[in-house]
Amino acid sequence: MIVDCHGHYTTAPKALQDFRDAQIAALGDPSAGPSPDSIRISDDEIRESLENAQLTLQRERGTDLTIFSPRASAMAHHIGDEATSMAWTRACNDLIARVCELYPQNFVGVCQLPQSPGAPLAHSVRELERCVNELGFIGCNLNPDPSGGHWTSPPLTDRHWYPLYEKMAELDVPAMVHVSSSCNPNFHATGAHYINADTTAFMQFLTSDLFRDFPTLRFVIPHGGGAIPYHWGRYRGLAQDMKRPPLGELLLNNVFFDTCVYHQPGIDLLATVIPVKNIIFGSEMVGAVRGVDPETGHNYDDTKRYIDALPLGDADKRKIFSENAARVYPRLARKLAEAAP
């Protein structure tokens, strides 16, 4: 079993974007905005959007199940207000639920949250609960910067976030730390803002006692952890200078890294620096980098190929490909157990 922990519905039918465009056009008069109930997408349209993209790539690249969420760059929590985000989030999450219902062997859901700059997290807590308890989702994507590149929210370790963490702990679900699009021209979304956020979240965790308050809380930092593996010595040294515990003791029971790193030397470094137990296979395929690497002749985001080439034994590769995901996402483990013959 090969589980891809990082998939987004980047190929959703056009009607979803039509709804979003109409919603944005009505921001000056919210009463004129569309309702998520107005979206009309047939099962056949969903099948067509996946059969020629994610499902084809699953078969070609040898992966089995994708942990699937709405398109991260489209969350755009900085657009409109909390009501805008609530309607958009519900539309996106409900569509993911339909994908998972149509293809239960191929996809399992993770939700976006209706975050909004300056807004409390009560609606995010309720949406997480709805998605887990009613839609069968196994986690959420958490945006540490709903402002879209201006970083106006408190750090992830601030008590502002505690209501959400309490619900995550109660439901026993993790969060992938994932920003959305950037409205700050200094930060290209996928090339800078994403990697900045991954690195920033790790440093926030390093300087806090969050996991003393929430010992079972789990976060996946995507994109290979941003700059973290490359600068592991810096972070070890900073923790030491700050009289913090060693990183393994301080963070590595709660923080995990995916393999969305798009060249072999990067994956080699990740697997050299980060313990195998903290690495979860992910590709983000049909995502930020969709082209073919002219140096290899293979798609950049065919990350299974990089894991296959690691000088690791079969037991360690099983951990990366599926066992770690089942441990970090306990509701996934239950789904896999139920599906087993």
Protein backbone atom coordinates (compact mmCIF):
# COMPACT_ATOMS: atom_id res chain seq x y z
CA MET A 1 0.00 0.00 0.00
CA ILE A 2 1.36 3.40 -1.02
CA VAL A 3 -0.40 6.40 0.50
CA ASP A 4 0.17 9.90 -0.90
CA CYS A 5 -0.46 12.31 1.97
CA HIS A 6 -0.53 15.45 -0.17
CA GLY A 7 -3.07 15.76 -2.96
CA HIS A 8 -5.24 18.73 -3.94
CA TYR A 9 -8.25 18.83 -6.25
CA THR A 10 -6.54 21.07 -8.77
CA THR A 11 -8.64 19.70 -11.63
CA ALA A 12 -12.09 20.39 -10.14
CA PRO A 13 -14.89 20.99 -12.69
CA LYS A 14 -15.28 24.54 -13.97
CA ALA A 15 -18.55 25.11 -12.11
CA LEU A 16 -16.63 25.36 -8.83
CA GLN A 17 -14.49 28.22 -10.13
CA ASP A 18 -17.58 29.84 -11.69
CA PHE A 19 -19.13 29.91 -8.22
CA ARG A 20 -15.97 31.46 -6.76
CA ASP A 21 -15.82 34.10 -9.50
CA ALA A 22 -19.43 35.04 -8.85
CA GLN A 23 -18.79 35.15 -5.13
CA ILE A 24 -15.82 37.51 -5.57
CA ALA A 25 -17.78 39.70 -8.00
CA ALA A 26 -20.47 40.14 -5.32
CA LEU A 27 -18.14 41.11 -2.47
CA GLY A 28 -19.49 44.67 -2.48
CA ASP A 29 -23.02 43.33 -2.00
CA PRO A 30 -22.92 39.98 -0.18
CA SER A 31 -26.70 39.61 -0.51
CA ALA A 32 -26.16 39.23 -4.25
CA GLY A 33 -23.60 36.46 -3.82
CA PRO A 34 -24.31 32.91 -4.93
CA SER A 35 -25.16 30.06 -2.58
CA PRO A 36 -23.01 26.91 -2.52
CA ASP A 37 -26.28 25.05 -3.14
CA SER A 38 -26.38 26.65 -6.60
CA ILE A 39 -23.30 24.71 -7.79
CA ARG A 40 -24.27 22.05 -10.30
CA ILE A 41 -21.61 19.39 -10.87
CA SER A 42 -22.56 15.91 -12.02
CA ASP A 43 -20.87 12.69 -10.96
CA ASP A 44 -19.74 12.22 -14.55
CA GLU A 45 -18.01 15.62 -14.50
CA ILE A 46 -16.16 14.62 -11.35
CA ARG A 47 -15.14 11.32 -12.92
CA GLU A 48 -13.91 13.06 -16.06
CA SER A 49 -11.88 15.57 -14.02
CA LEU A 50 -10.06 12.75 -12.21
CA GLU A 51 -9.85 9.91 -14.74
CA ASN A 52 -7.65 11.98 -17.05
CA ALA A 53 -5.47 13.37 -14.27
CA GLN A 54 -5.01 12.09 -10.70
CA LEU A 55 -6.35 8.58 -11.31
CA THR A 56 -4.23 8.11 -14.42
CA LEU A 57 -1.14 9.25 -12.52
CA GLN A 58 -1.92 6.98 -9.58
CA ARG A 59 -1.93 4.02 -11.94
CA GLU A 60 1.14 5.11 -13.90
CA ARG A 61 3.25 5.93 -10.85
CA GLY A 62 2.17 3.04 -8.65
CA THR A 63 0.39 4.84 -5.80
CA ASP A 64 -2.80 3.54 -4.24
CA LEU A 65 -4.55 6.11 -2.06
CA THR A 66 -4.33 9.92 -1.95
CA ILE A 67 -5.18 12.04 1.07
CA PHE A 68 -7.15 14.64 -0.87
CA SER A 69 -8.09 18.23 -0.07
CA PRO A 70 -9.33 21.35 -1.86
CA ARG A 71 -6.84 23.27 -3.97
CA ALA A 72 -4.56 25.02 -1.47
CA SER A 73 -3.80 28.09 -3.58
CA ALA A 74 -7.54 28.68 -4.04
CA MET A 75 -8.38 28.78 -0.32
CA ALA A 76 -7.42 32.49 -0.47
CA HIS A 77 -8.60 33.30 3.03
CA HIS A 78 -7.68 36.94 2.51
CA ILE A 79 -10.53 37.42 0.01
CA GLY A 80 -13.76 38.79 1.48
CA ASP A 81 -14.76 38.22 5.07
CA GLU A 82 -15.51 35.23 7.26
CA ALA A 83 -18.90 34.68 5.64
CA THR A 84 -17.21 34.59 2.23
CA SER A 85 -14.73 32.02 3.46
CA MET A 86 -17.42 29.92 5.13
CA ALA A 87 -19.45 29.59 1.92
CA TRP A 88 -16.39 28.87 -0.22
CA THR A 89 -15.00 26.36 2.26
CA ARG A 90 -18.24 24.44 2.51
CA ALA A 91 -18.52 24.24 -1.28
CA CYS A 92 -14.95 22.94 -1.60
CA ASN A 93 -15.21 20.42 1.23
CA ASP A 94 -18.52 19.06 0.03
CA LEU A 95 -17.00 18.47 -3.40
CA ILE A 96 -14.08 16.57 -1.86
CA ALA A 97 -16.60 14.41 -0.01
CA ARG A 98 -18.26 13.54 -3.31
CA VAL A 99 -14.89 12.56 -4.80
CA CYS A 100 -14.23 10.26 -1.85
CA GLU A 101 -17.70 8.74 -2.13
CA LEU A 102 -17.20 8.01 -5.83
CA TYR A 103 -13.67 6.66 -5.37
CA PRO A 104 -13.35 5.34 -1.81
CA GLN A 105 -10.40 3.12 -2.75
CA ASN A 106 -8.45 6.04 -4.24
CA PHE A 107 -9.16 9.09 -2.10
CA VAL A 108 -9.76 10.02 1.52
CA GLY A 109 -10.66 13.57 2.51
CA VAL A 110 -8.88 16.36 4.34
CA CYS A 111 -10.72 19.65 4.76
CA GLN A 112 -9.90 23.28 4.31
CA LEU A 113 -11.05 25.59 7.11
CA PRO A 114 -13.09 28.81 6.84
CA GLN A 115 -10.31 30.98 8.21
CA SER A 116 -10.34 34.74 7.74
CA PRO A 117 -7.88 37.44 8.86
CA GLY A 118 -8.65 38.52 12.42
CA ALA A 119 -11.60 36.17 12.80
CA PRO A 120 -11.96 33.80 15.75
CA LEU A 121 -11.71 30.08 15.05
CA ALA A 122 -15.20 29.04 16.14
CA HIS A 123 -16.39 28.40 12.57
CA SER A 124 -13.21 26.51 11.75
CA VAL A 125 -13.77 24.30 14.77
CA ARG A 126 -17.34 23.57 13.65
CA GLU A 127 -16.31 22.87 10.06
CA LEU A 128 -13.58 20.49 11.18
CA GLU A 129 -16.09 18.65 13.35
CA ARG A 130 -18.61 18.47 10.47
CA CYS A 131 -16.04 17.19 8.00
CA VAL A 132 -14.66 14.54 10.34
CA ASN A 133 -17.90 13.32 11.90
CA GLU A 134 -20.28 13.71 8.96
CA LEU A 135 -18.07 13.47 5.85
CA GLY A 136 -15.50 10.97 7.09
CA PHE A 137 -12.45 13.21 6.66
CA ILE A 138 -9.24 12.37 8.48
CA GLY A 139 -7.59 15.77 9.02
CA CYS A 140 -7.43 19.40 7.97
CA ASN A 141 -5.22 21.94 6.24
CA LEU A 142 -4.32 24.81 8.55
CA ASN A 143 -3.26 28.15 7.08
CA PRO A 144 -0.85 29.93 9.47
CA ASP A 145 -1.25 33.17 7.46
CA PRO A 146 -4.85 33.86 6.39
CA SER A 147 -3.76 37.37 5.36
CA GLY A 148 -2.10 35.98 2.24
CA GLY A 149 1.53 36.94 2.76
CA HIS A 150 1.30 39.77 5.30
CA TRP A 151 1.47 37.56 8.43
CA THR A 152 -1.03 39.43 10.57
CA SER A 153 -2.13 36.39 12.59
CA PRO A 154 -0.52 35.32 15.87
CA PRO A 155 2.07 32.52 15.70
CA LEU A 156 0.70 28.99 15.56
CA THR A 157 1.83 28.58 19.16
CA ASP A 158 -0.35 31.44 20.44
CA ARG A 159 -3.43 30.64 22.50
CA HIS A 160 -5.50 32.14 19.67
CA TRP A 161 -5.24 28.73 17.99
CA TYR A 162 -6.02 26.64 21.06
CA PRO A 163 -9.77 26.15 20.39
CA LEU A 164 -8.87 24.45 17.12
CA TYR A 165 -6.13 22.38 18.74
CA GLU A 166 -8.53 21.23 21.43
CA LYS A 167 -10.91 19.98 18.74
CA MET A 168 -8.06 18.35 16.78
CA ALA A 169 -6.97 16.53 19.94
CA GLU A 170 -10.53 15.48 20.73
CA LEU A 171 -11.07 14.11 17.21
CA ASP A 172 -7.51 12.73 17.04
CA VAL A 173 -6.78 14.31 13.65
CA PRO A 174 -3.63 16.06 12.42
CA ALA A 175 -3.25 19.26 10.42
CA MET A 176 -1.06 19.91 7.44
CA VAL A 177 0.40 23.39 7.79
CA HIS A 178 -0.41 24.86 4.38
CA VAL A 179 -0.67 28.50 3.35
CA SER A 180 -2.66 29.62 0.34
CA SER A 181 -2.11 32.17 -2.39
CA SER A 182 -0.05 35.28 -1.74
CA CYS A 183 -1.40 38.79 -2.27
CA ASN A 184 1.97 40.25 -1.27
CA PRO A 185 4.05 40.86 -4.43
CA ASN A 186 7.23 40.16 -2.48
CA PHE A 187 6.32 36.50 -2.14
CA HIS A 188 5.61 34.26 -5.10
CA ALA A 189 3.00 31.82 -3.80
CA THR A 190 4.48 28.39 -4.48
CA GLY A 191 8.11 29.41 -4.89
CA ALA A 192 8.48 31.60 -1.81
CA HIS A 193 5.35 31.91 0.34
CA TYR A 194 4.85 28.15 0.71
CA ILE A 195 8.47 27.46 1.64
CA ASN A 196 8.59 30.49 3.96
CA ALA A 197 5.52 29.23 5.79
CA ASP A 198 6.87 25.71 6.21
CA THR A 199 10.08 27.06 7.70
CA THR A 200 8.31 29.66 9.84
CA ALA A 201 5.91 27.13 11.36
CA PHE A 202 8.79 24.88 12.41
CA MET A 203 10.61 27.75 14.08
CA GLN A 204 7.45 28.77 15.91
CA PHE A 205 7.12 25.23 17.26
CA LEU A 206 10.80 25.21 18.27
CA THR A 207 10.46 28.31 20.43
CA SER A 208 7.28 27.23 22.24
CA ASP A 209 5.93 24.68 24.68
CA LEU A 210 2.87 23.96 22.54
CA PHE A 211 3.36 20.21 22.70
CA ARG A 212 3.57 20.30 26.45
CA ASP A 213 0.01 21.67 26.39
CA PHE A 214 -1.07 19.32 23.57
CA PRO A 215 1.14 16.21 23.70
CA THR A 216 -0.94 14.32 21.10
CA LEU A 217 -1.16 17.16 18.58
CA ARG A 218 0.36 16.31 15.18
CA PHE A 219 1.38 18.53 12.28
CA VAL A 220 2.62 17.65 8.82
CA ILE A 221 4.92 20.29 7.39
CA PRO A 222 4.74 19.93 3.60
CA HIS A 223 7.17 20.52 0.76
CA GLY A 224 9.87 18.57 2.55
CA GLY A 225 9.82 20.99 5.47
CA GLY A 226 10.84 24.07 3.51
CA ALA A 227 14.38 25.06 4.51
CA ILE A 228 14.40 22.95 7.67
CA PRO A 229 16.33 19.83 6.53
CA TYR A 230 18.93 21.92 4.70
CA HIS A 231 19.52 24.05 7.83
CA TRP A 232 19.04 21.34 10.47
CA GLY A 233 22.30 22.29 12.14
CA ARG A 234 21.14 25.88 12.48
CA TYR A 235 17.94 24.80 14.22
CA ARG A 236 19.72 22.35 16.47
CA GLY A 237 22.14 25.12 17.40
CA LEU A 238 19.38 27.67 17.99
CA ALA A 239 17.53 25.24 20.24
CA GLN A 240 20.75 24.62 22.16
CA ASP A 241 21.46 28.36 22.53
CA MET A 242 17.90 28.91 23.77
CA LYS A 243 18.32 26.13 26.35
CA ARG A 244 15.58 24.16 24.63
CA PRO A 245 15.52 20.35 24.61
CA PRO A 246 17.11 18.53 21.65
CA LEU A 247 14.95 18.70 18.54
CA GLY A 248 14.16 15.00 18.58
CA GLU A 249 12.73 15.28 22.07
CA LEU A 250 11.17 18.72 21.56
CA LEU A 251 9.40 18.29 18.21
CA LEU A 252 9.76 14.95 16.50
CA ASN A 253 6.93 13.23 18.35
CA ASN A 254 4.55 15.81 16.91
CA VAL A 255 6.00 17.21 13.66
CA PHE A 256 6.34 15.29 10.39
CA PHE A 257 7.57 16.12 6.89
CA ASP A 258 6.27 15.08 3.50
CA THR A 259 8.33 14.23 0.41
CA CYS A 260 7.12 16.96 -1.94
CA VAL A 261 10.70 17.71 -2.94
CA TYR A 262 11.25 17.62 -6.66
CA HIS A 263 14.75 16.31 -7.22
CA GLN A 264 16.75 13.33 -6.00
CA PRO A 265 19.42 15.26 -4.05
CA GLY A 266 16.67 16.98 -2.05
CA ILE A 267 15.03 13.68 -1.11
CA ASP A 268 18.44 12.21 -0.30
CA LEU A 269 19.09 15.08 2.10
CA LEU A 270 15.64 14.80 3.68
CA ALA A 271 16.12 11.09 4.37
CA THR A 272 19.66 11.67 5.70
CA VAL A 273 18.72 14.44 8.12
CA ILE A 274 15.17 13.62 9.23
CA PRO A 275 14.44 10.29 10.97
CA VAL A 276 12.53 7.85 8.78
CA LYS A 277 9.70 7.77 11.34
CA ASN A 278 9.02 11.45 10.62
CA ILE A 279 8.85 11.24 6.81
CA ILE A 280 5.52 10.70 5.03
CA PHE A 281 5.26 10.09 1.32
CA GLY A 282 3.61 12.92 -0.61
CA SER A 283 3.71 14.19 -4.18
CA GLU A 284 1.26 17.12 -4.57
CA MET A 285 0.92 15.82 -8.13
CA VAL A 286 -0.99 17.92 -10.61
CA GLY A 287 0.08 20.77 -8.37
CA ALA A 288 2.73 23.45 -8.19
CA VAL A 289 5.29 21.82 -10.51
CA ARG A 290 3.76 19.86 -13.36
CA GLY A 291 6.49 19.72 -15.98
CA VAL A 292 9.07 17.15 -17.02
CA ASP A 293 12.61 17.49 -15.71
CA PRO A 294 14.83 17.61 -18.83
CA GLU A 295 17.73 16.18 -16.83
CA THR A 296 15.84 12.96 -16.01
CA GLY A 297 12.99 12.75 -18.52
CA HIS A 298 10.52 12.24 -15.67
CA ASN A 299 7.96 14.54 -14.08
CA TYR A 300 9.33 16.61 -11.22
CA ASP A 301 6.40 15.60 -9.02
CA ASP A 302 6.86 11.84 -9.56
CA THR A 303 8.26 11.63 -6.04
CA LYS A 304 7.78 7.88 -5.64
CA ARG A 305 10.70 7.45 -8.02
CA TYR A 306 12.95 9.37 -5.61
CA ILE A 307 11.92 7.25 -2.62
CA ASP A 308 12.47 4.06 -4.61
CA ALA A 309 16.05 5.22 -5.28
CA LEU A 310 16.90 5.87 -1.61
CA PRO A 311 19.45 3.50 -0.08
CA LEU A 312 16.94 2.30 2.52
CA GLY A 313 15.68 -1.16 3.36
CA ASP A 314 12.17 -2.34 2.57
CA ALA A 315 11.01 -1.83 6.16
CA ASP A 316 12.00 1.84 6.15
CA LYS A 317 10.42 2.41 2.76
CA ARG A 318 7.16 0.86 4.03
CA LYS A 319 7.21 3.38 6.86
CA ILE A 320 7.57 6.28 4.42
CA PHE A 321 5.05 4.93 1.92
CA SER A 322 2.22 4.01 4.30
CA GLU A 323 2.95 3.10 7.90
CA ASN A 324 3.86 6.62 9.04
CA ALA A 325 0.73 8.06 7.43
CA ALA A 326 -1.42 5.49 9.24
CA ARG A 327 0.26 6.47 12.51
CA VAL A 328 -0.11 10.23 12.00
CA TYR A 329 -3.67 9.89 10.65
CA PRO A 330 -5.33 7.34 12.98
CA ARG A 331 -8.64 7.61 11.14
CA LEU A 332 -6.80 6.56 8.00
CA ALA A 333 -5.48 3.51 9.83
CA ARG A 334 -9.04 2.54 10.72
CA LYS A 335 -10.20 2.97 7.13
CA LEU A 336 -7.35 0.81 5.88
CA ALA A 337 -8.14 -1.86 8.46
CA GLU A 338 -11.80 -1.88 7.47
CA ALA A 339 -10.88 -2.22 3.78
CA ALA A 340 -8.43 -5.06 4.35
CA PRO A 341 -9.60 -8.49 3.13
